[in-house]
Amino acid sequence: MEKERKNLLLTFIELATEEGILKDDILEHKKKLFNLMNDVEANYVGDKRIFVQLERAIIDVIELTQHKYFDYGKIGNTIDEEYQLSNYDPFKRVAE
C-alpha cells in the first residue's frame, strides 16, 4: 500500500503541475533537460539510439530519487519522533 500512496502522490503532483494548479520546480527542470537533449539530438549526426538510452537513464534517476526521498522522509519522521538529538554532540562524546 505504501508504494501505491507514493505513486498516487507523485502522479498527483505531476498532473496538478501540468494543469497549472501547482508549481513544481522539478518538473520545470525536467522539461528544460529534455528540451536541451532534443536540441543536442537535432544537431547530432551519429546513431540516435543513444538519446533513447540517455532519456531512459535520466527518467530512471529522477523517478528513483523521488521515491527514495519518501523513504528518507519516513526515516526522518521516525528520528524526529523517537530520538532526542537536540543536545547530541559527537565531538563532546568522543572527548570524554
N, C-alpha and C. Protein backbone atom coordinates (compact mmCIF):
# COMPACT_ATOMS: atom_id res chain seq x y z
N MET A 1 0.82 -1.20 0.00
CA MET A 1 0.00 0.00 0.00
C MET A 1 0.87 1.27 0.00
N GLU A 2 2.05 1.22 0.63
CA GLU A 2 2.91 2.39 0.69
C GLU A 2 3.36 2.82 -0.70
N LYS A 3 3.74 1.86 -1.55
CA LYS A 3 4.14 2.19 -2.92
C LYS A 3 2.98 2.82 -3.68
N GLU A 4 1.78 2.32 -3.43
CA GLU A 4 0.60 2.87 -4.10
C GLU A 4 0.40 4.33 -3.71
N ARG A 5 0.62 4.64 -2.43
CA ARG A 5 0.47 6.03 -1.97
C ARG A 5 1.54 6.93 -2.59
N LYS A 6 2.78 6.43 -2.65
CA LYS A 6 3.86 7.20 -3.28
C LYS A 6 3.50 7.50 -4.73
N ASN A 7 3.08 6.47 -5.45
CA ASN A 7 2.75 6.64 -6.86
C ASN A 7 1.57 7.59 -7.04
N LEU A 8 0.58 7.48 -6.16
CA LEU A 8 -0.57 8.38 -6.22
C LEU A 8 -0.14 9.83 -6.03
N LEU A 9 0.66 10.06 -5.01
CA LEU A 9 1.10 11.43 -4.72
C LEU A 9 1.98 11.99 -5.83
N LEU A 10 2.93 11.20 -6.32
CA LEU A 10 3.81 11.69 -7.40
C LEU A 10 3.02 11.95 -8.67
N THR A 11 2.08 11.09 -8.98
CA THR A 11 1.24 11.31 -10.17
C THR A 11 0.36 12.54 -9.98
N PHE A 12 -0.19 12.71 -8.79
CA PHE A 12 -1.00 13.90 -8.50
C PHE A 12 -0.18 15.18 -8.70
N ILE A 13 1.04 15.19 -8.15
CA ILE A 13 1.89 16.37 -8.28
C ILE A 13 2.18 16.66 -9.76
N GLU A 14 2.50 15.63 -10.51
CA GLU A 14 2.81 15.81 -11.93
C GLU A 14 1.59 16.35 -12.71
N LEU A 15 0.43 15.74 -12.49
CA LEU A 15 -0.77 16.17 -13.22
C LEU A 15 -1.22 17.56 -12.78
N ALA A 16 -1.17 17.84 -11.49
CA ALA A 16 -1.56 19.16 -10.99
C ALA A 16 -0.62 20.23 -11.51
N THR A 17 0.64 19.90 -11.66
CA THR A 17 1.61 20.85 -12.21
C THR A 17 1.33 21.10 -13.69
N GLU A 18 1.05 20.03 -14.42
CA GLU A 18 0.72 20.18 -15.85
C GLU A 18 -0.53 21.02 -16.05
N GLU A 19 -1.49 20.93 -15.11
CA GLU A 19 -2.73 21.71 -15.21
C GLU A 19 -2.57 23.14 -14.70
N GLY A 20 -1.40 23.45 -14.14
CA GLY A 20 -1.15 24.80 -13.65
C GLY A 20 -1.64 25.04 -12.24
N ILE A 21 -2.08 23.99 -11.55
CA ILE A 21 -2.58 24.13 -10.18
C ILE A 21 -1.42 24.25 -9.20
N LEU A 22 -0.37 23.49 -9.43
CA LEU A 22 0.83 23.52 -8.60
C LEU A 22 2.02 24.01 -9.42
N LYS A 23 3.01 24.51 -8.72
CA LYS A 23 4.27 24.85 -9.37
C LYS A 23 5.32 23.91 -8.80
N ASP A 24 5.89 23.09 -9.66
CA ASP A 24 6.88 22.11 -9.22
C ASP A 24 8.18 22.36 -9.97
N ASP A 25 9.20 22.79 -9.24
CA ASP A 25 10.48 23.10 -9.86
C ASP A 25 11.12 21.89 -10.51
N ILE A 26 10.90 20.71 -9.94
CA ILE A 26 11.49 19.50 -10.52
C ILE A 26 10.95 19.27 -11.92
N LEU A 27 9.64 19.40 -12.08
CA LEU A 27 9.04 19.20 -13.40
C LEU A 27 9.56 20.23 -14.40
N GLU A 28 9.71 21.47 -13.96
CA GLU A 28 10.24 22.51 -14.85
C GLU A 28 11.67 22.18 -15.28
N HIS A 29 12.48 21.70 -14.36
CA HIS A 29 13.86 21.35 -14.71
C HIS A 29 13.91 20.10 -15.59
N LYS A 30 13.00 19.17 -15.38
CA LYS A 30 12.93 18.01 -16.26
C LYS A 30 12.63 18.45 -17.69
N LYS A 31 11.70 19.38 -17.85
CA LYS A 31 11.37 19.88 -19.18
C LYS A 31 12.57 20.57 -19.82
N LYS A 32 13.29 21.38 -19.05
CA LYS A 32 14.49 22.04 -19.56
C LYS A 32 15.52 21.01 -20.01
N LEU A 33 15.70 19.99 -19.19
CA LEU A 33 16.67 18.95 -19.50
C LEU A 33 16.31 18.23 -20.80
N PHE A 34 15.04 17.86 -20.94
CA PHE A 34 14.62 17.15 -22.15
C PHE A 34 14.64 18.06 -23.38
N ASN A 35 14.33 19.34 -23.21
CA ASN A 35 14.44 20.28 -24.33
C ASN A 35 15.89 20.42 -24.79
N LEU A 36 16.79 20.51 -23.84
CA LEU A 36 18.22 20.59 -24.16
C LEU A 36 18.68 19.32 -24.87
N MET A 37 18.23 18.17 -24.39
CA MET A 37 18.60 16.92 -25.03
C MET A 37 18.05 16.84 -26.45
N ASN A 38 16.84 17.35 -26.65
CA ASN A 38 16.26 17.38 -28.00
C ASN A 38 17.06 18.27 -28.93
N ASP A 39 17.53 19.42 -28.42
CA ASP A 39 18.36 20.31 -29.23
C ASP A 39 19.67 19.62 -29.64
N VAL A 40 20.28 18.95 -28.69
CA VAL A 40 21.53 18.24 -28.99
C VAL A 40 21.27 17.13 -30.00
N GLU A 41 20.18 16.40 -29.82
CA GLU A 41 19.84 15.30 -30.73
C GLU A 41 19.60 15.81 -32.15
N ALA A 42 18.96 16.97 -32.27
CA ALA A 42 18.66 17.52 -33.58
C ALA A 42 19.94 17.84 -34.37
N ASN A 43 21.01 18.16 -33.67
CA ASN A 43 22.27 18.52 -34.32
C ASN A 43 23.26 17.36 -34.38
N TYR A 44 22.87 16.20 -33.87
CA TYR A 44 23.75 15.03 -33.81
C TYR A 44 23.62 14.22 -35.09
N VAL A 45 24.74 13.82 -35.67
CA VAL A 45 24.70 13.10 -36.94
C VAL A 45 24.93 11.59 -36.79
N GLY A 46 25.25 11.15 -35.59
CA GLY A 46 25.51 9.72 -35.37
C GLY A 46 24.23 8.94 -35.08
N ASP A 47 24.39 7.79 -34.48
CA ASP A 47 23.30 6.89 -34.14
C ASP A 47 22.42 7.53 -33.05
N LYS A 48 21.14 7.70 -33.33
CA LYS A 48 20.22 8.39 -32.42
C LYS A 48 19.76 7.51 -31.26
N ARG A 49 20.06 6.21 -31.31
CA ARG A 49 19.61 5.32 -30.22
C ARG A 49 20.19 5.72 -28.88
N ILE A 50 21.35 6.36 -28.91
CA ILE A 50 21.97 6.80 -27.66
C ILE A 50 21.07 7.78 -26.91
N PHE A 51 20.28 8.55 -27.64
CA PHE A 51 19.39 9.51 -27.00
C PHE A 51 18.22 8.83 -26.31
N VAL A 52 17.75 7.74 -26.85
CA VAL A 52 16.70 6.96 -26.20
C VAL A 52 17.24 6.38 -24.89
N GLN A 53 18.46 5.87 -24.94
CA GLN A 53 19.08 5.33 -23.73
C GLN A 53 19.32 6.42 -22.69
N LEU A 54 19.78 7.57 -23.15
CA LEU A 54 20.03 8.69 -22.25
C LEU A 54 18.73 9.16 -21.60
N GLU A 55 17.69 9.30 -22.39
CA GLU A 55 16.39 9.73 -21.86
C GLU A 55 15.89 8.75 -20.81
N ARG A 56 15.98 7.46 -21.09
CA ARG A 56 15.54 6.45 -20.14
C ARG A 56 16.35 6.52 -18.85
N ALA A 57 17.66 6.72 -18.98
CA ALA A 57 18.52 6.81 -17.80
C ALA A 57 18.16 8.04 -16.96
N ILE A 58 17.89 9.16 -17.60
CA ILE A 58 17.51 10.38 -16.88
C ILE A 58 16.19 10.17 -16.15
N ILE A 59 15.22 9.61 -16.84
CA ILE A 59 13.91 9.35 -16.22
C ILE A 59 14.08 8.41 -15.02
N ASP A 60 14.88 7.37 -15.18
CA ASP A 60 15.11 6.42 -14.09
C ASP A 60 15.70 7.11 -12.87
N VAL A 61 16.72 7.93 -13.08
CA VAL A 61 17.36 8.62 -11.96
C VAL A 61 16.37 9.54 -11.24
N ILE A 62 15.59 10.28 -11.99
CA ILE A 62 14.63 11.20 -11.39
C ILE A 62 13.57 10.43 -10.61
N GLU A 63 13.01 9.38 -11.20
CA GLU A 63 11.97 8.61 -10.52
C GLU A 63 12.52 7.91 -9.28
N LEU A 64 13.70 7.30 -9.39
CA LEU A 64 14.29 6.63 -8.23
C LEU A 64 14.57 7.62 -7.10
N THR A 65 15.04 8.80 -7.46
CA THR A 65 15.31 9.83 -6.45
C THR A 65 14.03 10.27 -5.77
N GLN A 66 12.97 10.51 -6.54
CA GLN A 66 11.70 10.92 -5.95
C GLN A 66 11.18 9.86 -4.99
N HIS A 67 11.24 8.62 -5.36
CA HIS A 67 10.75 7.56 -4.49
C HIS A 67 11.65 7.37 -3.27
N LYS A 68 12.94 7.50 -3.43
CA LYS A 68 13.87 7.33 -2.32
C LYS A 68 13.65 8.42 -1.26
N TYR A 69 13.31 9.62 -1.69
CA TYR A 69 13.08 10.69 -0.73
C TYR A 69 11.88 10.43 0.15
N PHE A 70 10.90 9.67 -0.32
CA PHE A 70 9.80 9.26 0.54
C PHE A 70 10.33 8.39 1.67
N ASP A 71 11.22 7.47 1.33
CA ASP A 71 11.82 6.60 2.35
C ASP A 71 12.63 7.43 3.34
N TYR A 72 13.41 8.39 2.84
CA TYR A 72 14.19 9.25 3.73
C TYR A 72 13.27 10.05 4.64
N GLY A 73 12.16 10.54 4.11
CA GLY A 73 11.20 11.30 4.91
C GLY A 73 10.61 10.45 6.02
N LYS A 74 10.32 9.20 5.72
CA LYS A 74 9.78 8.29 6.72
C LYS A 74 10.79 8.07 7.85
N ILE A 75 12.05 7.86 7.48
CA ILE A 75 13.11 7.66 8.48
C ILE A 75 13.29 8.94 9.30
N GLY A 76 13.28 10.09 8.61
CA GLY A 76 13.42 11.37 9.30
C GLY A 76 12.30 11.59 10.30
N ASN A 77 11.09 11.20 9.93
CA ASN A 77 9.94 11.31 10.83
C ASN A 77 10.15 10.46 12.07
N THR A 78 10.62 9.23 11.87
CA THR A 78 10.88 8.33 12.99
C THR A 78 11.93 8.92 13.92
N ILE A 79 13.00 9.45 13.36
CA ILE A 79 14.07 10.05 14.17
C ILE A 79 13.52 11.23 14.95
N ASP A 80 12.74 12.08 14.28
CA ASP A 80 12.18 13.26 14.92
C ASP A 80 11.27 12.89 16.09
N GLU A 81 10.50 11.83 15.94
CA GLU A 81 9.54 11.43 16.96
C GLU A 81 10.16 10.60 18.08
N GLU A 82 11.20 9.83 17.80
CA GLU A 82 11.67 8.84 18.76
C GLU A 82 13.05 9.13 19.36
N TYR A 83 13.78 10.08 18.83
CA TYR A 83 15.15 10.34 19.31
C TYR A 83 15.26 11.77 19.81
N GLN A 84 16.07 11.96 20.82
CA GLN A 84 16.37 13.29 21.34
C GLN A 84 17.76 13.68 20.84
N LEU A 85 17.83 14.44 19.78
CA LEU A 85 19.12 14.78 19.19
C LEU A 85 19.53 16.23 19.41
N SER A 86 18.68 17.00 20.06
CA SER A 86 18.97 18.43 20.19
C SER A 86 20.25 18.69 20.99
N ASN A 87 20.58 17.82 21.94
CA ASN A 87 21.79 18.02 22.74
C ASN A 87 22.93 17.12 22.32
N TYR A 88 22.74 16.34 21.29
CA TYR A 88 23.76 15.37 20.88
C TYR A 88 24.91 16.08 20.18
N ASP A 89 26.10 15.87 20.69
CA ASP A 89 27.31 16.43 20.09
C ASP A 89 28.37 15.34 20.08
N PRO A 90 28.62 14.72 18.91
CA PRO A 90 29.56 13.61 18.87
C PRO A 90 30.98 14.01 19.26
N PHE A 91 31.34 15.27 19.10
CA PHE A 91 32.69 15.72 19.47
C PHE A 91 32.87 15.70 20.97
N LYS A 92 31.84 16.10 21.71
CA LYS A 92 31.90 16.04 23.18
C LYS A 92 31.95 14.60 23.66
N ARG A 93 31.17 13.74 23.02
CA ARG A 93 31.12 12.34 23.41
C ARG A 93 32.48 11.68 23.21
N VAL A 94 33.12 11.95 22.09
CA VAL A 94 34.41 11.34 21.78
C VAL A 94 35.49 11.87 22.73
N ALA A 95 35.39 13.12 23.13
CA ALA A 95 36.40 13.72 24.00
C ALA A 95 36.32 13.20 25.43
N GLU A 96 35.19 12.61 25.81
CA GLU A 96 35.03 12.14 27.20
C GLU A 96 35.85 10.92 27.48
